[in-house]
Amino acid sequence: MNLFDKAKEAIGKNSDKADQGIDKAADAAKSKWGEHGDQIDKVAERAKGFTRQQGDQPGEQPPPPPE
């Protein structure tokens, strides 16, 4: 098992903690680049979707972003 697989497994087992980390990172980014808050929120939600997906179906890739 390589490092990437270990990280996916850890995120899958601790998706709630990963979501908290994403929220903290988004808040920090918004404090620096507040004028882009909507975009930062969209990225944070997308990242949370990925962490939830890792808990449900390990090994799957997230769907592509909407155009």
PDB file of N, CA and C in Angstrom:
ATOM      1  N   MET A   1       0.855  -1.172   0.000  1.00  0.00           N
ATOM      2  CA  MET A   1       0.000   0.000   0.000  1.00  0.00           C
ATOM      3  C   MET A   1       0.902   1.237   0.000  1.00  0.00           C
ATOM      4  N   ASN A   2       0.695   2.109  -0.981  1.00  0.00           N
ATOM      5  CA  ASN A   2       1.527   3.302  -1.068  1.00  0.00           C
ATOM      6  C   ASN A   2       0.947   4.431  -0.210  1.00  0.00           C
ATOM      7  N   LEU A   3       1.645   5.530  -0.165  1.00  0.00           N
ATOM      8  CA  LEU A   3       1.248   6.664   0.674  1.00  0.00           C
ATOM      9  C   LEU A   3      -0.117   7.224   0.270  1.00  0.00           C
ATOM     10  N   PHE A   4      -0.378   7.295  -1.022  1.00  0.00           N
ATOM     11  CA  PHE A   4      -1.657   7.813  -1.500  1.00  0.00           C
ATOM     12  C   PHE A   4      -2.804   6.938  -1.014  1.00  0.00           C
ATOM     13  N   ASP A   5      -2.653   5.625  -1.106  1.00  0.00           N
ATOM     14  CA  ASP A   5      -3.697   4.712  -0.643  1.00  0.00           C
ATOM     15  C   ASP A   5      -3.896   4.828   0.866  1.00  0.00           C
ATOM     16  N   LYS A   6      -2.828   5.002   1.603  1.00  0.00           N
ATOM     17  CA  LYS A   6      -2.935   5.173   3.052  1.00  0.00           C
ATOM     18  C   LYS A   6      -3.674   6.454   3.394  1.00  0.00           C
ATOM     19  N   ALA A   7      -3.401   7.522   2.643  1.00  0.00           N
ATOM     20  CA  ALA A   7      -4.090   8.791   2.881  1.00  0.00           C
ATOM     21  C   ALA A   7      -5.585   8.652   2.586  1.00  0.00           C
ATOM     22  N   LYS A   8      -5.939   7.980   1.484  1.00  0.00           N
ATOM     23  CA  LYS A   8      -7.347   7.781   1.150  1.00  0.00           C
ATOM     24  C   LYS A   8      -8.046   6.965   2.236  1.00  0.00           C
ATOM     25  N   GLU A   9      -7.380   5.958   2.744  1.00  0.00           N
ATOM     26  CA  GLU A   9      -7.954   5.133   3.805  1.00  0.00           C
ATOM     27  C   GLU A   9      -8.170   5.959   5.074  1.00  0.00           C
ATOM     28  N   ALA A  10      -7.184   6.768   5.434  1.00  0.00           N
ATOM     29  CA  ALA A  10      -7.300   7.601   6.636  1.00  0.00           C
ATOM     30  C   ALA A  10      -8.434   8.612   6.494  1.00  0.00           C
ATOM     31  N   ILE A  11      -8.558   9.215   5.329  1.00  0.00           N
ATOM     32  CA  ILE A  11      -9.644  10.172   5.099  1.00  0.00           C
ATOM     33  C   ILE A  11     -10.989   9.464   5.164  1.00  0.00           C
ATOM     34  N   GLY A  12     -11.061   8.282   4.605  1.00  0.00           N
ATOM     35  CA  GLY A  12     -12.313   7.528   4.639  1.00  0.00           C
ATOM     36  C   GLY A  12     -12.750   7.189   6.044  1.00  0.00           C
ATOM     37  N   LYS A  13     -11.798   6.893   6.903  1.00  0.00           N
ATOM     38  CA  LYS A  13     -12.122   6.538   8.286  1.00  0.00           C
ATOM     39  C   LYS A  13     -12.390   7.768   9.152  1.00  0.00           C
ATOM     40  N   ASN A  14     -11.893   8.927   8.750  1.00  0.00           N
ATOM     41  CA  ASN A  14     -12.002  10.144   9.556  1.00  0.00           C
ATOM     42  C   ASN A  14     -12.543  11.305   8.735  1.00  0.00           C
ATOM     43  N   SER A  15     -13.592  11.074   7.965  1.00  0.00           N
ATOM     44  CA  SER A  15     -14.087  12.121   7.076  1.00  0.00           C
ATOM     45  C   SER A  15     -14.600  13.331   7.844  1.00  0.00           C
ATOM     46  N   ASP A  16     -15.119  13.126   9.066  1.00  0.00           N
ATOM     47  CA  ASP A  16     -15.590  14.274   9.839  1.00  0.00           C
ATOM     48  C   ASP A  16     -14.435  15.190  10.231  1.00  0.00           C
ATOM     49  N   LYS A  17     -13.306  14.619  10.589  1.00  0.00           N
ATOM     50  CA  LYS A  17     -12.132  15.428  10.931  1.00  0.00           C
ATOM     51  C   LYS A  17     -11.548  16.094   9.677  1.00  0.00           C
ATOM     52  N   ALA A  18     -11.601  15.401   8.567  1.00  0.00           N
ATOM     53  CA  ALA A  18     -11.126  15.987   7.318  1.00  0.00           C
ATOM     54  C   ALA A  18     -12.002  17.179   6.937  1.00  0.00           C
ATOM     55  N   ASP A  19     -13.319  17.048   7.133  1.00  0.00           N
ATOM     56  CA  ASP A  19     -14.233  18.155   6.848  1.00  0.00           C
ATOM     57  C   ASP A  19     -13.932  19.360   7.727  1.00  0.00           C
ATOM     58  N   GLN A  20     -13.614  19.124   8.987  1.00  0.00           N
ATOM     59  CA  GLN A  20     -13.260  20.221   9.889  1.00  0.00           C
ATOM     60  C   GLN A  20     -11.998  20.921   9.402  1.00  0.00           C
ATOM     61  N   GLY A  21     -11.029  20.157   8.943  1.00  0.00           N
ATOM     62  CA  GLY A  21      -9.799  20.735   8.409  1.00  0.00           C
ATOM     63  C   GLY A  21     -10.056  21.555   7.154  1.00  0.00           C
ATOM     64  N   ILE A  22     -10.940  21.064   6.314  1.00  0.00           N
ATOM     65  CA  ILE A  22     -11.302  21.797   5.099  1.00  0.00           C
ATOM     66  C   ILE A  22     -11.967  23.118   5.464  1.00  0.00           C
ATOM     67  N   ASP A  23     -12.864  23.078   6.458  1.00  0.00           N
ATOM     68  CA  ASP A  23     -13.527  24.309   6.908  1.00  0.00           C
ATOM     69  C   ASP A  23     -12.520  25.328   7.434  1.00  0.00           C
ATOM     70  N   LYS A  24     -11.557  24.859   8.217  1.00  0.00           N
ATOM     71  CA  LYS A  24     -10.530  25.766   8.758  1.00  0.00           C
ATOM     72  C   LYS A  24      -9.685  26.366   7.638  1.00  0.00           C
ATOM     73  N   ALA A  25      -9.328  25.537   6.672  1.00  0.00           N
ATOM     74  CA  ALA A  25      -8.537  26.041   5.547  1.00  0.00           C
ATOM     75  C   ALA A  25      -9.341  27.058   4.730  1.00  0.00           C
ATOM     76  N   ALA A  26     -10.631  26.786   4.525  1.00  0.00           N
ATOM     77  CA  ALA A  26     -11.476  27.713   3.773  1.00  0.00           C
ATOM     78  C   ALA A  26     -11.608  29.043   4.523  1.00  0.00           C
ATOM     79  N   ASP A  27     -11.777  28.985   5.835  1.00  0.00           N
ATOM     80  CA  ASP A  27     -11.874  30.217   6.627  1.00  0.00           C
ATOM     81  C   ASP A  27     -10.587  31.028   6.534  1.00  0.00           C
ATOM     82  N   ALA A  28      -9.445  30.341   6.591  1.00  0.00           N
ATOM     83  CA  ALA A  28      -8.163  31.040   6.481  1.00  0.00           C
ATOM     84  C   ALA A  28      -8.015  31.685   5.098  1.00  0.00           C
ATOM     85  N   ALA A  29      -8.424  30.963   4.065  1.00  0.00           N
ATOM     86  CA  ALA A  29      -8.334  31.506   2.711  1.00  0.00           C
ATOM     87  C   ALA A  29      -9.261  32.707   2.550  1.00  0.00           C
ATOM     88  N   LYS A  30     -10.462  32.612   3.125  1.00  0.00           N
ATOM     89  CA  LYS A  30     -11.406  33.734   3.009  1.00  0.00           C
ATOM     90  C   LYS A  30     -10.915  34.953   3.781  1.00  0.00           C
ATOM     91  N   SER A  31     -10.184  34.740   4.869  1.00  0.00           N
ATOM     92  CA  SER A  31      -9.668  35.892   5.609  1.00  0.00           C
ATOM     93  C   SER A  31      -8.598  36.627   4.805  1.00  0.00           C
ATOM     94  N   LYS A  32      -7.900  35.898   3.938  1.00  0.00           N
ATOM     95  CA  LYS A  32      -6.868  36.526   3.115  1.00  0.00           C
ATOM     96  C   LYS A  32      -7.432  37.026   1.788  1.00  0.00           C
ATOM     97  N   TRP A  33      -8.303  36.237   1.183  1.00  0.00           N
ATOM     98  CA  TRP A  33      -8.870  36.572  -0.130  1.00  0.00           C
ATOM     99  C   TRP A  33     -10.392  36.595  -0.053  1.00  0.00           C
ATOM    100  N   GLY A  34     -10.927  37.423   0.820  1.00  0.00           N
ATOM    101  CA  GLY A  34     -12.365  37.482   1.072  1.00  0.00           C
ATOM    102  C   GLY A  34     -13.208  37.796  -0.144  1.00  0.00           C
ATOM    103  N   GLU A  35     -12.645  38.539  -1.095  1.00  0.00           N
ATOM    104  CA  GLU A  35     -13.427  38.881  -2.286  1.00  0.00           C
ATOM    105  C   GLU A  35     -13.735  37.653  -3.138  1.00  0.00           C
ATOM    106  N   HIS A  36     -13.061  36.545  -2.878  1.00  0.00           N
ATOM    107  CA  HIS A  36     -13.294  35.294  -3.608  1.00  0.00           C
ATOM    108  C   HIS A  36     -13.996  34.265  -2.725  1.00  0.00           C
ATOM    109  N   GLY A  37     -14.719  34.732  -1.726  1.00  0.00           N
ATOM    110  CA  GLY A  37     -15.360  33.846  -0.752  1.00  0.00           C
ATOM    111  C   GLY A  37     -16.278  32.813  -1.367  1.00  0.00           C
ATOM    112  N   ASP A  38     -17.061  33.205  -2.371  1.00  0.00           N
ATOM    113  CA  ASP A  38     -17.975  32.255  -3.003  1.00  0.00           C
ATOM    114  C   ASP A  38     -17.225  31.116  -3.675  1.00  0.00           C
ATOM    115  N   GLN A  39     -16.150  31.458  -4.351  1.00  0.00           N
ATOM    116  CA  GLN A  39     -15.348  30.430  -5.021  1.00  0.00           C
ATOM    117  C   GLN A  39     -14.680  29.519  -3.996  1.00  0.00           C
ATOM    118  N   ILE A  40     -14.200  30.084  -2.914  1.00  0.00           N
ATOM    119  CA  ILE A  40     -13.556  29.292  -1.866  1.00  0.00           C
ATOM    120  C   ILE A  40     -14.570  28.321  -1.261  1.00  0.00           C
ATOM    121  N   ASP A  41     -15.798  28.801  -1.021  1.00  0.00           N
ATOM    122  CA  ASP A  41     -16.837  27.928  -0.473  1.00  0.00           C
ATOM    123  C   ASP A  41     -17.161  26.778  -1.419  1.00  0.00           C
ATOM    124  N   LYS A  42     -17.210  27.062  -2.723  1.00  0.00           N
ATOM    125  CA  LYS A  42     -17.496  26.008  -3.707  1.00  0.00           C
ATOM    126  C   LYS A  42     -16.409  24.944  -3.694  1.00  0.00           C
ATOM    127  N   VAL A  43     -15.166  25.384  -3.626  1.00  0.00           N
ATOM    128  CA  VAL A  43     -14.048  24.430  -3.597  1.00  0.00           C
ATOM    129  C   VAL A  43     -14.086  23.606  -2.313  1.00  0.00           C
ATOM    130  N   ALA A  44     -14.391  24.251  -1.194  1.00  0.00           N
ATOM    131  CA  ALA A  44     -14.460  23.539   0.082  1.00  0.00           C
ATOM    132  C   ALA A  44     -15.556  22.480   0.048  1.00  0.00           C
ATOM    133  N   GLU A  45     -16.712  22.816  -0.497  1.00  0.00           N
ATOM    134  CA  GLU A  45     -17.802  21.837  -0.599  1.00  0.00           C
ATOM    135  C   GLU A  45     -17.418  20.674  -1.504  1.00  0.00           C
ATOM    136  N   ARG A  46     -16.714  20.974  -2.574  1.00  0.00           N
ATOM    137  CA  ARG A  46     -16.251  19.923  -3.490  1.00  0.00           C
ATOM    138  C   ARG A  46     -15.266  18.990  -2.777  1.00  0.00           C
ATOM    139  N   ALA A  47     -14.375  19.575  -1.994  1.00  0.00           N
ATOM    140  CA  ALA A  47     -13.407  18.769  -1.243  1.00  0.00           C
ATOM    141  C   ALA A  47     -14.121  17.903  -0.208  1.00  0.00           C
ATOM    142  N   LYS A  48     -15.136  18.447   0.451  1.00  0.00           N
ATOM    143  CA  LYS A  48     -15.888  17.661   1.427  1.00  0.00           C
ATOM    144  C   LYS A  48     -16.608  16.500   0.747  1.00  0.00           C
ATOM    145  N   GLY A  49     -17.119  16.732  -0.446  1.00  0.00           N
ATOM    146  CA  GLY A  49     -17.755  15.655  -1.199  1.00  0.00           C
ATOM    147  C   GLY A  49     -16.772  14.531  -1.482  1.00  0.00           C
ATOM    148  N   PHE A  50     -15.552  14.896  -1.778  1.00  0.00           N
ATOM    149  CA  PHE A  50     -14.525  13.882  -2.027  1.00  0.00           C
ATOM    150  C   PHE A  50     -14.241  13.080  -0.765  1.00  0.00           C
ATOM    151  N   THR A  51     -14.150  13.745   0.387  1.00  0.00           N
ATOM    152  CA  THR A  51     -13.859  13.011   1.626  1.00  0.00           C
ATOM    153  C   THR A  51     -15.009  12.082   1.986  1.00  0.00           C
ATOM    154  N   ARG A  52     -16.240  12.526   1.756  1.00  0.00           N
ATOM    155  CA  ARG A  52     -17.393  11.661   2.043  1.00  0.00           C
ATOM    156  C   ARG A  52     -17.412  10.469   1.096  1.00  0.00           C
ATOM    157  N   GLN A  53     -17.039  10.704  -0.144  1.00  0.00           N
ATOM    158  CA  GLN A  53     -17.014   9.623  -1.126  1.00  0.00           C
ATOM    159  C   GLN A  53     -15.945   8.598  -0.756  1.00  0.00           C
ATOM    160  N   GLN A  54     -14.835   9.047  -0.232  1.00  0.00           N
ATOM    161  CA  GLN A  54     -13.773   8.122   0.161  1.00  0.00           C
ATOM    162  C   GLN A  54     -14.243   7.206   1.275  1.00  0.00           C
ATOM    163  N   GLY A  55     -15.104   7.705   2.141  1.00  0.00           N
ATOM    164  CA  GLY A  55     -15.651   6.871   3.198  1.00  0.00           C
ATOM    165  C   GLY A  55     -16.647   5.862   2.678  1.00  0.00           C
ATOM    166  N   ASP A  56     -17.354   6.199   1.599  1.00  0.00           N
ATOM    167  CA  ASP A  56     -18.374   5.325   1.044  1.00  0.00           C
ATOM    168  C   ASP A  56     -17.813   4.286   0.085  1.00  0.00           C
ATOM    169  N   GLN A  57     -16.935   4.728  -0.815  1.00  0.00           N
ATOM    170  CA  GLN A  57     -16.448   3.848  -1.861  1.00  0.00           C
ATOM    171  C   GLN A  57     -14.953   4.056  -2.054  1.00  0.00           C
ATOM    172  N   PRO A  58     -14.136   3.420  -1.239  1.00  0.00           N
ATOM    173  CA  PRO A  58     -12.690   3.607  -1.403  1.00  0.00           C
ATOM    174  C   PRO A  58     -12.235   3.226  -2.806  1.00  0.00           C
ATOM    175  N   GLY A  59     -11.319   4.016  -3.326  1.00  0.00           N
ATOM    176  CA  GLY A  59     -10.754   3.733  -4.628  1.00  0.00           C
ATOM    177  C   GLY A  59     -11.449   4.453  -5.772  1.00  0.00           C
ATOM    178  N   GLU A  60     -12.628   4.994  -5.538  1.00  0.00           N
ATOM    179  CA  GLU A  60     -13.343   5.715  -6.574  1.00  0.00           C
ATOM    180  C   GLU A  60     -12.809   7.135  -6.693  1.00  0.00           C
ATOM    181  N   GLN A  61     -12.871   7.687  -7.860  1.00  0.00           N
ATOM    182  CA  GLN A  61     -12.483   9.063  -8.086  1.00  0.00           C
ATOM    183  C   GLN A  61     -13.724   9.933  -8.038  1.00  0.00           C
ATOM    184  N   PRO A  62     -13.610  11.186  -7.581  1.00  0.00           N
ATOM    185  CA  PRO A  62     -14.773  12.066  -7.553  1.00  0.00           C
ATOM    186  C   PRO A  62     -15.208  12.419  -8.973  1.00  0.00           C
ATOM    187  N   PRO A  63     -16.477  12.773  -9.137  1.00  0.00           N
ATOM    188  CA  PRO A  63     -16.937  13.143 -10.487  1.00  0.00           C
ATOM    189  C   PRO A  63     -16.274  14.437 -10.930  1.00  0.00           C
ATOM    190  N   PRO A  64     -16.191  14.666 -12.233  1.00  0.00           N
ATOM    191  CA  PRO A  64     -15.573  15.907 -12.719  1.00  0.00           C
ATOM    192  C   PRO A  64     -16.407  17.107 -12.312  1.00  0.00           C
ATOM    193  N   PRO A  65     -15.784  18.272 -12.172  1.00  0.00           N
ATOM    194  CA  PRO A  65     -16.529  19.471 -11.786  1.00  0.00           C
ATOM    195  C   PRO A  65     -17.518  19.873 -12.868  1.00  0.00           C
ATOM    196  N   PRO A  66     -18.640  20.482 -12.471  1.00  0.00           N
ATOM    197  CA  PRO A  66     -19.595  20.931 -13.490  1.00  0.00           C
ATOM    198  C   PRO A  66     -19.012  22.072 -14.308  1.00  0.00           C
ATOM    199  N   GLU A  67     -19.434  22.154 -15.533  1.00  0.00           N
ATOM    200  CA  GLU A  67     -18.907  23.195 -16.425  1.00  0.00           C
ATOM    201  C   GLU A  67     -19.801  24.395 -16.451  1.00  0.00           C
TER     202      GLU A  67
END
